[in-house]
C-alpha cells in the first residue's frame, strides 16, 4: 500500500491527532499552582534538587554501592556521611608505603557542606608495584574461601598476586572492625571497596589552630608523665589483643599515632592469630621488644621480658 493509499483511509491516519497543548518534550514538567496541591498527601511530595557535574578528582560517594558488611560497625559515629548525594573529592596523598598509599578524601553533600568529613583512604598497590615482606609467615594459619584462590596465591601467579592484594585489604578491614568492636584504639573503619579502605583521619590541632595529621609516636618527645601514660595505654591494648588471641605482628613506634594524650594503633594487615599461627609467640615477643626499646630510649624503665610475661598471663 502506498502513502497515497494510506491518506485515503481515515481509520489509518498517517499522523495521530494530539491536543494543541501537547508536548513531546520528555523532560517537560508541569508544576501545578499551590492551590492545586491542597488535596495531595504530603508524603508523596518531595523537593527535587539537581546536582552539578563532577569535577576532576571527584566521584559519587560509594557508601551505598558497597555491601552492608563492607560498611563500618554500628552504631555509626555522627561524622560518617551516608547521603546518597555526597561526593568524594581527592585532597592529596597523605603517606606512601611499600604496600599501600594513604590519601585524604573529603566526603560531603553539596547541599549540606557543613556535614562533610575528611577521611583517610588506604589503597593497596597493584600486584606489580607492591610486595609484602615475610608475608608467608604472617598468613600462616589463614584460610581462603576458595581453594582455587589459595592455590593461585601459593603459585604466585598474576591472578594469585591480585588475589593477595585483595586479601591483605580484607585482612586489615577485618582487623579494624574487630579491634574497634573490642574497644581498642584504632581508626574507625568507614568502609571497604575492593582494595580501598576508608577510615577515620586521626588529627591534632597545632599551635596556630590548624588541623594536622597526628604524628607517629616515633616523632614525638613526650614528657615523662605522658610517656608513662602512653606505655600504660599500649600495655592495656596489647592485653586486650592477647585476651582475644590476637597479635599485631608489626607493632612499633612508627605505626602508632600520638593524638594528643591518646595513642592510636594503625597498619593492621599482618595481624596474626596468637595460637593458630606457629609464629604467633615470636611476633608477640618482637612487638614487646620494639615497644620497650623505644620507651627505654626516651627514659622510661621498662623491660620486654616482663611485658611479655604479663601478656602471657592475660592470654592463658
Foldseek 3Di string as FASTA:
>chain_A
DDPVVQCVDVVRDPDDDDDPPDDPPPPDDDDDPPVVCPPPDCVPDDDDDDDDDDDPQKDFDCLVVDDPVQFFDPPDPQLQDDDRQWMKHWDAWDADDQFWTKTWIKIARPVCRVSIDIWIKIFTDQLVRHDDPPLVLLCQLPDDPDVVLVVCLVVVDNSNSLSVLQLLQVLQSVVQRVCVVLVAFAWGFGGDDRRMTITHQQWEQDPVRDTDGFAQQLPDQDDPVLLVLAVVSVLVRLLSQLLVQKDQQDAASRQWGCHDSYIHGDDRSSMHGLPSRPCNLVSLLVNLVRHCVSSVVSPDDDDSVVSSVVSVVSND
